[in-house]
Amino acid sequence: EDFEAVGEAFEAEIGATKGTVGAAECTLIDQPSLVDFAESWFE
C-alpha cells in the first residue's frame, strides 16, 4: 500500500534513472540503495 510513497521519497532523496524502452516508461534503480532507504523509511 505504501510502496509508491517509498519510491517517490527514494527518488526525491537518492535518485533513480528514468527513460523509455519501446513505448514503456522505465525506471532503473540501484537495488541495495533502495532496500537500505526503504528499511529506514518503513521504520
PDB file of all heavy atoms in Angstrom:
ATOM      1  N   GLU A   1       0.804  -1.218   0.000  1.00  0.00           N
ATOM      2  CA  GLU A   1       0.000   0.000   0.000  1.00  0.00           C
ATOM      3  C   GLU A   1       0.840   1.272   0.000  1.00  0.00           C
ATOM      4  O   GLU A   1       0.437   2.287  -0.581  1.00  0.00           O
ATOM      5  CB  GLU A   1      -0.966  -0.001   1.185  1.00  0.00           C
ATOM      6  CG  GLU A   1      -2.092  -1.023   1.062  1.00  0.00           C
ATOM      7  CD  GLU A   1      -3.075  -0.944   2.208  1.00  0.00           C
ATOM      8  OE1 GLU A   1      -2.864  -0.097   3.118  1.00  0.00           O
ATOM      9  OE2 GLU A   1      -4.058  -1.703   2.196  1.00  0.00           O
ATOM     10  N   ASP A   2       1.987   1.239   0.660  1.00  0.00           N
ATOM     11  CA  ASP A   2       2.817   2.446   0.733  1.00  0.00           C
ATOM     12  C   ASP A   2       4.063   2.357  -0.150  1.00  0.00           C
ATOM     13  O   ASP A   2       4.956   3.198  -0.063  1.00  0.00           O
ATOM     14  CB  ASP A   2       3.228   2.751   2.177  1.00  0.00           C
ATOM     15  CG  ASP A   2       3.872   1.572   2.883  1.00  0.00           C
ATOM     16  OD1 ASP A   2       4.092   0.526   2.233  1.00  0.00           O
ATOM     17  OD2 ASP A   2       4.156   1.694   4.101  1.00  0.00           O
ATOM     18  N   PHE A   3       4.122   1.382  -1.044  1.00  0.00           N
ATOM     19  CA  PHE A   3       5.322   1.221  -1.872  1.00  0.00           C
ATOM     20  C   PHE A   3       5.522   2.399  -2.831  1.00  0.00           C
ATOM     21  O   PHE A   3       6.655   2.802  -3.095  1.00  0.00           O
ATOM     22  CB  PHE A   3       5.261  -0.092  -2.660  1.00  0.00           C
ATOM     23  CG  PHE A   3       5.662  -1.318  -1.863  1.00  0.00           C
ATOM     24  CD1 PHE A   3       5.736  -1.283  -0.476  1.00  0.00           C
ATOM     25  CD2 PHE A   3       5.963  -2.511  -2.509  1.00  0.00           C
ATOM     26  CE1 PHE A   3       6.102  -2.413   0.255  1.00  0.00           C
ATOM     27  CE2 PHE A   3       6.335  -3.643  -1.789  1.00  0.00           C
ATOM     28  CZ  PHE A   3       6.399  -3.587  -0.412  1.00  0.00           C
ATOM     29  N   GLU A   4       4.434   2.946  -3.372  1.00  0.00           N
ATOM     30  CA  GLU A   4       4.589   4.091  -4.264  1.00  0.00           C
ATOM     31  C   GLU A   4       5.135   5.295  -3.497  1.00  0.00           C
ATOM     32  O   GLU A   4       5.955   6.061  -4.017  1.00  0.00           O
ATOM     33  CB  GLU A   4       3.261   4.435  -4.940  1.00  0.00           C
ATOM     34  CG  GLU A   4       2.767   3.400  -5.930  1.00  0.00           C
ATOM     35  CD  GLU A   4       3.638   3.277  -7.172  1.00  0.00           C
ATOM     36  OE1 GLU A   4       4.521   4.137  -7.386  1.00  0.00           O
ATOM     37  OE2 GLU A   4       3.456   2.303  -7.932  1.00  0.00           O
ATOM     38  N   ALA A   5       4.699   5.462  -2.254  1.00  0.00           N
ATOM     39  CA  ALA A   5       5.211   6.557  -1.428  1.00  0.00           C
ATOM     40  C   ALA A   5       6.695   6.368  -1.127  1.00  0.00           C
ATOM     41  O   ALA A   5       7.470   7.338  -1.124  1.00  0.00           O
ATOM     42  CB  ALA A   5       4.412   6.648  -0.126  1.00  0.00           C
ATOM     43  N   VAL A   6       7.095   5.127  -0.874  1.00  0.00           N
ATOM     44  CA  VAL A   6       8.518   4.843  -0.651  1.00  0.00           C
ATOM     45  C   VAL A   6       9.318   5.199  -1.899  1.00  0.00           C
ATOM     46  O   VAL A   6      10.364   5.852  -1.825  1.00  0.00           O
ATOM     47  CB  VAL A   6       8.743   3.359  -0.310  1.00  0.00           C
ATOM     48  CG1 VAL A   6      10.223   3.069  -0.130  1.00  0.00           C
ATOM     49  CG2 VAL A   6       7.997   2.970   0.948  1.00  0.00           C
ATOM     50  N   GLY A   7       8.830   4.772  -3.053  1.00  0.00           N
ATOM     51  CA  GLY A   7       9.534   5.053  -4.299  1.00  0.00           C
ATOM     52  C   GLY A   7       9.659   6.539  -4.564  1.00  0.00           C
ATOM     53  O   GLY A   7      10.722   7.021  -4.991  1.00  0.00           O
ATOM     54  N   GLU A   8       8.596   7.287  -4.322  1.00  0.00           N
ATOM     55  CA  GLU A   8       8.634   8.730  -4.524  1.00  0.00           C
ATOM     56  C   GLU A   8       9.665   9.377  -3.603  1.00  0.00           C
ATOM     57  O   GLU A   8      10.442  10.241  -4.025  1.00  0.00           O
ATOM     58  CB  GLU A   8       7.250   9.317  -4.266  1.00  0.00           C
ATOM     59  CG  GLU A   8       7.147  10.803  -4.511  1.00  0.00           C
ATOM     60  CD  GLU A   8       5.743  11.339  -4.299  1.00  0.00           C
ATOM     61  OE1 GLU A   8       4.788  10.523  -4.295  1.00  0.00           O
ATOM     62  OE2 GLU A   8       5.591  12.562  -4.132  1.00  0.00           O
ATOM     63  N   ALA A   9       9.686   8.949  -2.340  1.00  0.00           N
ATOM     64  CA  ALA A   9      10.649   9.506  -1.388  1.00  0.00           C
ATOM     65  C   ALA A   9      12.076   9.128  -1.768  1.00  0.00           C
ATOM     66  O   ALA A   9      13.000   9.955  -1.669  1.00  0.00           O
ATOM     67  CB  ALA A   9      10.324   9.009   0.019  1.00  0.00           C
ATOM     68  N   PHE A  10      12.273   7.890  -2.214  1.00  0.00           N
ATOM     69  CA  PHE A  10      13.604   7.443  -2.619  1.00  0.00           C
ATOM     70  C   PHE A  10      14.117   8.261  -3.804  1.00  0.00           C
ATOM     71  O   PHE A  10      15.268   8.712  -3.808  1.00  0.00           O
ATOM     72  CB  PHE A  10      13.560   5.957  -2.992  1.00  0.00           C
ATOM     73  CG  PHE A  10      14.841   5.436  -3.591  1.00  0.00           C
ATOM     74  CD1 PHE A  10      15.927   5.131  -2.793  1.00  0.00           C
ATOM     75  CD2 PHE A  10      14.953   5.266  -4.965  1.00  0.00           C
ATOM     76  CE1 PHE A  10      17.115   4.663  -3.339  1.00  0.00           C
ATOM     77  CE2 PHE A  10      16.128   4.792  -5.525  1.00  0.00           C
ATOM     78  CZ  PHE A  10      17.212   4.496  -4.717  1.00  0.00           C
ATOM     79  N   GLU A  11      13.273   8.443  -4.791  1.00  0.00           N
ATOM     80  CA  GLU A  11      13.709   9.198  -5.966  1.00  0.00           C
ATOM     81  C   GLU A  11      14.013  10.650  -5.630  1.00  0.00           C
ATOM     82  O   GLU A  11      14.928  11.250  -6.201  1.00  0.00           O
ATOM     83  CB  GLU A  11      12.644   9.095  -7.062  1.00  0.00           C
ATOM     84  CG  GLU A  11      12.544   7.690  -7.656  1.00  0.00           C
ATOM     85  CD  GLU A  11      11.584   7.616  -8.827  1.00  0.00           C
ATOM     86  OE1 GLU A  11      11.126   8.679  -9.290  1.00  0.00           O
ATOM     87  OE2 GLU A  11      11.289   6.493  -9.273  1.00  0.00           O
ATOM     88  N   ALA A  12      13.248  11.222  -4.696  1.00  0.00           N
ATOM     89  CA  ALA A  12      13.490  12.611  -4.308  1.00  0.00           C
ATOM     90  C   ALA A  12      14.797  12.765  -3.538  1.00  0.00           C
ATOM     91  O   ALA A  12      15.513  13.767  -3.706  1.00  0.00           O
ATOM     92  CB  ALA A  12      12.317  13.124  -3.463  1.00  0.00           C
ATOM     93  N   GLU A  13      15.119  11.785  -2.711  1.00  0.00           N
ATOM     94  CA  GLU A  13      16.300  11.900  -1.847  1.00  0.00           C
ATOM     95  C   GLU A  13      17.552  11.255  -2.445  1.00  0.00           C
ATOM     96  O   GLU A  13      18.652  11.806  -2.341  1.00  0.00           O
ATOM     97  CB  GLU A  13      16.012  11.270  -0.487  1.00  0.00           C
ATOM     98  CG  GLU A  13      17.126  11.458   0.518  1.00  0.00           C
ATOM     99  CD  GLU A  13      16.723  11.066   1.926  1.00  0.00           C
ATOM    100  OE1 GLU A  13      15.517  11.180   2.262  1.00  0.00           O
ATOM    101  OE2 GLU A  13      17.604  10.642   2.705  1.00  0.00           O
ATOM    102  N   ILE A  14      17.405  10.079  -3.064  1.00  0.00           N
ATOM    103  CA  ILE A  14      18.562   9.338  -3.571  1.00  0.00           C
ATOM    104  C   ILE A  14      18.656   9.435  -5.095  1.00  0.00           C
ATOM    105  O   ILE A  14      19.723   9.707  -5.645  1.00  0.00           O
ATOM    106  CB  ILE A  14      18.497   7.853  -3.159  1.00  0.00           C
ATOM    107  CG1 ILE A  14      18.308   7.731  -1.641  1.00  0.00           C
ATOM    108  CG2 ILE A  14      19.749   7.114  -3.619  1.00  0.00           C
ATOM    109  CD1 ILE A  14      19.433   8.318  -0.803  1.00  0.00           C
ATOM    110  N   GLY A  15      17.545   9.192  -5.759  1.00  0.00           N
ATOM    111  CA  GLY A  15      17.510   9.302  -7.213  1.00  0.00           C
ATOM    112  C   GLY A  15      17.474   7.969  -7.919  1.00  0.00           C
ATOM    113  O   GLY A  15      17.924   6.944  -7.391  1.00  0.00           O
ATOM    114  N   ALA A  16      16.905   7.975  -9.118  1.00  0.00           N
ATOM    115  CA  ALA A  16      16.841   6.809  -9.999  1.00  0.00           C
ATOM    116  C   ALA A  16      16.917   7.323 -11.430  1.00  0.00           C
ATOM    117  O   ALA A  16      16.704   8.507 -11.690  1.00  0.00           O
ATOM    118  CB  ALA A  16      15.554   6.029  -9.769  1.00  0.00           C
ATOM    119  N   THR A  17      17.225   6.426 -12.336  1.00  0.00           N
ATOM    120  CA  THR A  17      17.343   6.797 -13.752  1.00  0.00           C
ATOM    121  C   THR A  17      16.038   6.526 -14.464  1.00  0.00           C
ATOM    122  O   THR A  17      15.500   5.420 -14.396  1.00  0.00           O
ATOM    123  CB  THR A  17      18.477   5.999 -14.424  1.00  0.00           C
ATOM    124  OG1 THR A  17      19.702   6.244 -13.729  1.00  0.00           O
ATOM    125  CG2 THR A  17      18.637   6.407 -15.873  1.00  0.00           C
ATOM    126  N   LYS A  18      15.521   7.542 -15.156  1.00  0.00           N
ATOM    127  CA  LYS A  18      14.271   7.421 -15.893  1.00  0.00           C
ATOM    128  C   LYS A  18      14.558   7.402 -17.390  1.00  0.00           C
ATOM    129  O   LYS A  18      15.476   8.078 -17.868  1.00  0.00           O
ATOM    130  CB  LYS A  18      13.351   8.598 -15.580  1.00  0.00           C
ATOM    131  CG  LYS A  18      12.945   8.718 -14.125  1.00  0.00           C
ATOM    132  CD  LYS A  18      11.893   7.683 -13.755  1.00  0.00           C
ATOM    133  CE  LYS A  18      11.341   7.921 -12.364  1.00  0.00           C
ATOM    134  NZ  LYS A  18      10.254   6.982 -12.024  1.00  0.00           N
ATOM    135  N   GLY A  19      13.771   6.664 -18.135  1.00  0.00           N
ATOM    136  CA  GLY A  19      13.940   6.634 -19.582  1.00  0.00           C
ATOM    137  C   GLY A  19      12.826   5.835 -20.227  1.00  0.00           C
ATOM    138  O   GLY A  19      11.899   5.370 -19.548  1.00  0.00           O
ATOM    139  N   THR A  20      12.927   5.676 -21.525  1.00  0.00           N
ATOM    140  CA  THR A  20      11.908   4.954 -22.294  1.00  0.00           C
ATOM    141  C   THR A  20      12.536   3.768 -22.998  1.00  0.00           C
ATOM    142  O   THR A  20      13.584   3.892 -23.632  1.00  0.00           O
ATOM    143  CB  THR A  20      11.256   5.879 -23.333  1.00  0.00           C
ATOM    144  OG1 THR A  20      10.687   7.010 -22.665  1.00  0.00           O
ATOM    145  CG2 THR A  20      10.156   5.151 -24.078  1.00  0.00           C
ATOM    146  N   VAL A  21      11.894   2.632 -22.875  1.00  0.00           N
ATOM    147  CA  VAL A  21      12.269   1.429 -23.610  1.00  0.00           C
ATOM    148  C   VAL A  21      11.051   1.035 -24.426  1.00  0.00           C
ATOM    149  O   VAL A  21       9.979   0.771 -23.857  1.00  0.00           O
ATOM    150  CB  VAL A  21      12.691   0.288 -22.672  1.00  0.00           C
ATOM    151  CG1 VAL A  21      12.955  -0.992 -23.460  1.00  0.00           C
ATOM    152  CG2 VAL A  21      13.920   0.683 -21.861  1.00  0.00           C
ATOM    153  N   GLY A  22      11.186   1.000 -25.752  1.00  0.00           N
ATOM    154  CA  GLY A  22       9.999   0.873 -26.576  1.00  0.00           C
ATOM    155  C   GLY A  22       9.101   2.053 -26.272  1.00  0.00           C
ATOM    156  O   GLY A  22       9.531   3.203 -26.286  1.00  0.00           O
ATOM    157  N   ALA A  23       7.836   1.758 -25.944  1.00  0.00           N
ATOM    158  CA  ALA A  23       6.913   2.814 -25.535  1.00  0.00           C
ATOM    159  C   ALA A  23       6.757   2.897 -24.026  1.00  0.00           C
ATOM    160  O   ALA A  23       5.984   3.700 -23.518  1.00  0.00           O
ATOM    161  CB  ALA A  23       5.548   2.564 -26.175  1.00  0.00           C
ATOM    162  N   ALA A  24       7.512   2.080 -23.293  1.00  0.00           N
ATOM    163  CA  ALA A  24       7.337   1.968 -21.845  1.00  0.00           C
ATOM    164  C   ALA A  24       8.167   2.988 -21.086  1.00  0.00           C
ATOM    165  O   ALA A  24       9.351   3.178 -21.372  1.00  0.00           O
ATOM    166  CB  ALA A  24       7.710   0.562 -21.382  1.00  0.00           C
ATOM    167  N   GLU A  25       7.540   3.602 -20.102  1.00  0.00           N
ATOM    168  CA  GLU A  25       8.278   4.426 -19.161  1.00  0.00           C
ATOM    169  C   GLU A  25       8.988   3.487 -18.178  1.00  0.00           C
ATOM    170  O   GLU A  25       8.361   2.622 -17.574  1.00  0.00           O
ATOM    171  CB  GLU A  25       7.340   5.365 -18.413  1.00  0.00           C
ATOM    172  CG  GLU A  25       6.671   6.388 -19.299  1.00  0.00           C
ATOM    173  CD  GLU A  25       5.758   7.326 -18.527  1.00  0.00           C
ATOM    174  OE1 GLU A  25       5.698   7.212 -17.290  1.00  0.00           O
ATOM    175  OE2 GLU A  25       5.111   8.160 -19.170  1.00  0.00           O
ATOM    176  N   CYS A  26      10.291   3.675 -18.022  1.00  0.00           N
ATOM    177  CA  CYS A  26      11.102   2.746 -17.242  1.00  0.00           C
ATOM    178  C   CYS A  26      11.881   3.474 -16.151  1.00  0.00           C
ATOM    179  O   CYS A  26      12.209   4.655 -16.282  1.00  0.00           O
ATOM    180  CB  CYS A  26      12.069   1.999 -18.145  1.00  0.00           C
ATOM    181  SG  CYS A  26      11.240   0.970 -19.374  1.00  0.00           S
ATOM    182  N   THR A  27      12.190   2.738 -15.102  1.00  0.00           N
ATOM    183  CA  THR A  27      12.994   3.253 -14.003  1.00  0.00           C
ATOM    184  C   THR A  27      14.078   2.238 -13.696  1.00  0.00           C
ATOM    185  O   THR A  27      13.791   1.051 -13.507  1.00  0.00           O
ATOM    186  CB  THR A  27      12.134   3.479 -12.749  1.00  0.00           C
ATOM    187  OG1 THR A  27      11.008   4.302 -13.078  1.00  0.00           O
ATOM    188  CG2 THR A  27      12.945   4.157 -11.654  1.00  0.00           C
ATOM    189  N   LEU A  28      15.321   2.709 -13.640  1.00  0.00           N
ATOM    190  CA  LEU A  28      16.471   1.871 -13.305  1.00  0.00           C
ATOM    191  C   LEU A  28      16.996   2.314 -11.951  1.00  0.00           C
ATOM    192  O   LEU A  28      17.293   3.494 -11.747  1.00  0.00           O
ATOM    193  CB  LEU A  28      17.554   1.989 -14.373  1.00  0.00           C
ATOM    194  CG  LEU A  28      18.779   1.080 -14.233  1.00  0.00           C
ATOM    195  CD1 LEU A  28      18.385  -0.393 -14.362  1.00  0.00           C
ATOM    196  CD2 LEU A  28      19.835   1.448 -15.273  1.00  0.00           C
ATOM    197  N   ILE A  29      17.120   1.366 -11.020  1.00  0.00           N
ATOM    198  CA  ILE A  29      17.368   1.687  -9.621  1.00  0.00           C
ATOM    199  C   ILE A  29      18.521   0.849  -9.084  1.00  0.00           C
ATOM    200  O   ILE A  29      18.611  -0.353  -9.372  1.00  0.00           O
ATOM    201  CB  ILE A  29      16.108   1.371  -8.768  1.00  0.00           C
ATOM    202  CG1 ILE A  29      14.865   2.043  -9.362  1.00  0.00           C
ATOM    203  CG2 ILE A  29      16.301   1.760  -7.319  1.00  0.00           C
ATOM    204  CD1 ILE A  29      13.574   1.344  -8.983  1.00  0.00           C
ATOM    205  N   ASP A  30      19.371   1.443  -8.275  1.00  0.00           N
ATOM    206  CA  ASP A  30      20.379   0.687  -7.534  1.00  0.00           C
ATOM    207  C   ASP A  30      19.663  -0.044  -6.402  1.00  0.00           C
ATOM    208  O   ASP A  30      19.134   0.588  -5.483  1.00  0.00           O
ATOM    209  CB  ASP A  30      21.453   1.630  -6.983  1.00  0.00           C
ATOM    210  CG  ASP A  30      22.501   0.890  -6.193  1.00  0.00           C
ATOM    211  OD1 ASP A  30      23.377   0.259  -6.800  1.00  0.00           O
ATOM    212  OD2 ASP A  30      22.442   0.941  -4.933  1.00  0.00           O
ATOM    213  N   GLN A  31      19.642  -1.376  -6.461  1.00  0.00           N
ATOM    214  CA  GLN A  31      18.821  -2.132  -5.518  1.00  0.00           C
ATOM    215  C   GLN A  31      19.281  -2.029  -4.070  1.00  0.00           C
ATOM    216  O   GLN A  31      18.456  -1.809  -3.175  1.00  0.00           O
ATOM    217  CB  GLN A  31      18.719  -3.599  -5.961  1.00  0.00           C
ATOM    218  CG  GLN A  31      17.602  -4.371  -5.283  1.00  0.00           C
ATOM    219  CD  GLN A  31      18.108  -5.524  -4.428  1.00  0.00           C
ATOM    220  OE1 GLN A  31      19.216  -5.465  -3.895  1.00  0.00           O
ATOM    221  NE2 GLN A  31      17.314  -6.573  -4.293  1.00  0.00           N
ATOM    222  N   PRO A  32      20.578  -2.151  -3.754  1.00  0.00           N
ATOM    223  CA  PRO A  32      20.957  -2.020  -2.348  1.00  0.00           C
ATOM    224  C   PRO A  32      20.603  -0.649  -1.761  1.00  0.00           C
ATOM    225  O   PRO A  32      20.167  -0.556  -0.605  1.00  0.00           O
ATOM    226  CB  PRO A  32      22.473  -2.256  -2.376  1.00  0.00           C
ATOM    227  CG  PRO A  32      22.693  -3.116  -3.574  1.00  0.00           C
ATOM    228  CD  PRO A  32      21.714  -2.609  -4.583  1.00  0.00           C
ATOM    229  N   SER A  33      20.776   0.401  -2.549  1.00  0.00           N
ATOM    230  CA  SER A  33      20.426   1.736  -2.057  1.00  0.00           C
ATOM    231  C   SER A  33      18.935   1.829  -1.761  1.00  0.00           C
ATOM    232  O   SER A  33      18.517   2.418  -0.753  1.00  0.00           O
ATOM    233  CB  SER A  33      20.813   2.803  -3.083  1.00  0.00           C
ATOM    234  OG  SER A  33      22.206   2.843  -3.273  1.00  0.00           O
ATOM    235  N   LEU A  34      18.118   1.259  -2.638  1.00  0.00           N
ATOM    236  CA  LEU A  34      16.673   1.279  -2.429  1.00  0.00           C
ATOM    237  C   LEU A  34      16.284   0.498  -1.178  1.00  0.00           C
ATOM    238  O   LEU A  34      15.489   0.973  -0.359  1.00  0.00           O
ATOM    239  CB  LEU A  34      15.963   0.685  -3.645  1.00  0.00           C
ATOM    240  CG  LEU A  34      14.446   0.530  -3.499  1.00  0.00           C
ATOM    241  CD1 LEU A  34      13.755   1.882  -3.369  1.00  0.00           C
ATOM    242  CD2 LEU A  34      13.871  -0.267  -4.668  1.00  0.00           C
ATOM    243  N   VAL A  35      16.835  -0.697  -1.023  1.00  0.00           N
ATOM    244  CA  VAL A  35      16.484  -1.529   0.126  1.00  0.00           C
ATOM    245  C   VAL A  35      16.896  -0.848   1.430  1.00  0.00           C
ATOM    246  O   VAL A  35      16.116  -0.810   2.397  1.00  0.00           O
ATOM    247  CB  VAL A  35      17.128  -2.925   0.000  1.00  0.00           C
ATOM    248  CG1 VAL A  35      16.951  -3.725   1.288  1.00  0.00           C
ATOM    249  CG2 VAL A  35      16.525  -3.681  -1.181  1.00  0.00           C
ATOM    250  N   ASP A  36      18.095  -0.298   1.476  1.00  0.00           N
ATOM    251  CA  ASP A  36      18.555   0.377   2.692  1.00  0.00           C
ATOM    252  C   ASP A  36      17.684   1.582   3.012  1.00  0.00           C
ATOM    253  O   ASP A  36      17.310   1.817   4.173  1.00  0.00           O
ATOM    254  CB  ASP A  36      20.010   0.819   2.539  1.00  0.00           C
ATOM    255  CG  ASP A  36      20.984  -0.340   2.465  1.00  0.00           C
ATOM    256  OD1 ASP A  36      20.587  -1.476   2.799  1.00  0.00           O
ATOM    257  OD2 ASP A  36      22.145  -0.110   2.071  1.00  0.00           O
ATOM    258  N   PHE A  37      17.349   2.369   1.983  1.00  0.00           N
ATOM    259  CA  PHE A  37      16.497   3.542   2.190  1.00  0.00           C
ATOM    260  C   PHE A  37      15.120   3.121   2.684  1.00  0.00           C
ATOM    261  O   PHE A  37      14.572   3.701   3.635  1.00  0.00           O
ATOM    262  CB  PHE A  37      16.374   4.330   0.884  1.00  0.00           C
ATOM    263  CG  PHE A  37      15.450   5.512   0.977  1.00  0.00           C
ATOM    264  CD1 PHE A  37      15.933   6.751   1.370  1.00  0.00           C
ATOM    265  CD2 PHE A  37      14.094   5.389   0.669  1.00  0.00           C
ATOM    266  CE1 PHE A  37      15.073   7.855   1.462  1.00  0.00           C
ATOM    267  CE2 PHE A  37      13.236   6.479   0.766  1.00  0.00           C
ATOM    268  CZ  PHE A  37      13.728   7.710   1.160  1.00  0.00           C
ATOM    269  N   ALA A  38      14.531   2.115   2.025  1.00  0.00           N
ATOM    270  CA  ALA A  38      13.182   1.692   2.371  1.00  0.00           C
ATOM    271  C   ALA A  38      13.120   1.086   3.767  1.00  0.00           C
ATOM    272  O   ALA A  38      12.119   1.270   4.479  1.00  0.00           O
ATOM    273  CB  ALA A  38      12.669   0.688   1.339  1.00  0.00           C
ATOM    274  N   GLU A  39      14.158   0.389   4.175  1.00  0.00           N
ATOM    275  CA  GLU A  39      14.192  -0.171   5.531  1.00  0.00           C
ATOM    276  C   GLU A  39      14.030   0.947   6.560  1.00  0.00           C
ATOM    277  O   GLU A  39      13.216   0.856   7.484  1.00  0.00           O
ATOM    278  CB  GLU A  39      15.507  -0.915   5.750  1.00  0.00           C
ATOM    279  CG  GLU A  39      15.639  -1.546   7.126  1.00  0.00           C
ATOM    280  CD  GLU A  39      16.963  -2.265   7.318  1.00  0.00           C
ATOM    281  OE1 GLU A  39      17.702  -2.459   6.336  1.00  0.00           O
ATOM    282  OE2 GLU A  39      17.276  -2.620   8.479  1.00  0.00           O
ATOM    283  N   SER A  40      14.786   2.015   6.405  1.00  0.00           N
ATOM    284  CA  SER A  40      14.677   3.149   7.329  1.00  0.00           C
ATOM    285  C   SER A  40      13.330   3.857   7.181  1.00  0.00           C
ATOM    286  O   SER A  40      12.739   4.298   8.180  1.00  0.00           O
ATOM    287  CB  SER A  40      15.815   4.143   7.073  1.00  0.00           C
ATOM    288  OG  SER A  40      17.077   3.546   7.312  1.00  0.00           O
ATOM    289  N   TRP A  41      12.852   3.967   5.953  1.00  0.00           N
ATOM    290  CA  TRP A  41      11.572   4.636   5.708  1.00  0.00           C
ATOM    291  C   TRP A  41      10.438   3.895   6.403  1.00  0.00           C
ATOM    292  O   TRP A  41       9.567   4.519   7.034  1.00  0.00           O
ATOM    293  CB  TRP A  41      11.317   4.730   4.212  1.00  0.00           C
ATOM    294  CG  TRP A  41      10.202   5.654   3.823  1.00  0.00           C
ATOM    295  CD1 TRP A  41      10.288   6.947   3.440  1.00  0.00           C
ATOM    296  CD2 TRP A  41       8.797   5.319   3.769  1.00  0.00           C
ATOM    297  NE1 TRP A  41       9.043   7.470   3.153  1.00  0.00           N
ATOM    298  CE2 TRP A  41       8.107   6.485   3.344  1.00  0.00           C
ATOM    299  CE3 TRP A  41       8.060   4.174   4.050  1.00  0.00           C
ATOM    300  CZ2 TRP A  41       6.720   6.528   3.203  1.00  0.00           C
ATOM    301  CZ3 TRP A  41       6.673   4.206   3.905  1.00  0.00           C
ATOM    302  CH2 TRP A  41       6.027   5.357   3.481  1.00  0.00           C
ATOM    303  N   PHE A  42      10.420   2.578   6.293  1.00  0.00           N
ATOM    304  CA  PHE A  42       9.367   1.797   6.939  1.00  0.00           C
ATOM    305  C   PHE A  42       9.420   1.983   8.460  1.00  0.00           C
ATOM    306  O   PHE A  42       8.383   2.112   9.111  1.00  0.00           O
ATOM    307  CB  PHE A  42       9.503   0.322   6.591  1.00  0.00           C
ATOM    308  CG  PHE A  42       9.122  -0.028   5.186  1.00  0.00           C
ATOM    309  CD1 PHE A  42       9.920  -0.866   4.408  1.00  0.00           C
ATOM    310  CD2 PHE A  42       7.963   0.481   4.605  1.00  0.00           C
ATOM    311  CE1 PHE A  42       9.570  -1.181   3.108  1.00  0.00           C
ATOM    312  CE2 PHE A  42       7.605   0.171   3.303  1.00  0.00           C
ATOM    313  CZ  PHE A  42       8.417  -0.672   2.557  1.00  0.00           C
ATOM    314  N   GLU A  43      10.606   1.982   9.024  1.00  0.00           N
ATOM    315  CA  GLU A  43      10.737   2.152  10.470  1.00  0.00           C
ATOM    316  C   GLU A  43      10.236   3.514  10.927  1.00  0.00           C
ATOM    317  O   GLU A  43       9.700   3.655  12.033  1.00  0.00           O
ATOM    318  CB  GLU A  43      12.193   1.947  10.878  1.00  0.00           C
ATOM    319  CG  GLU A  43      12.661   0.509  10.722  1.00  0.00           C
ATOM    320  CD  GLU A  43      14.149   0.321  11.008  1.00  0.00           C
ATOM    321  OE1 GLU A  43      14.861   1.337  11.165  1.00  0.00           O
ATOM    322  OE2 GLU A  43      14.582  -0.843  11.092  1.00  0.00           O
TER     323      GLU A  43
END
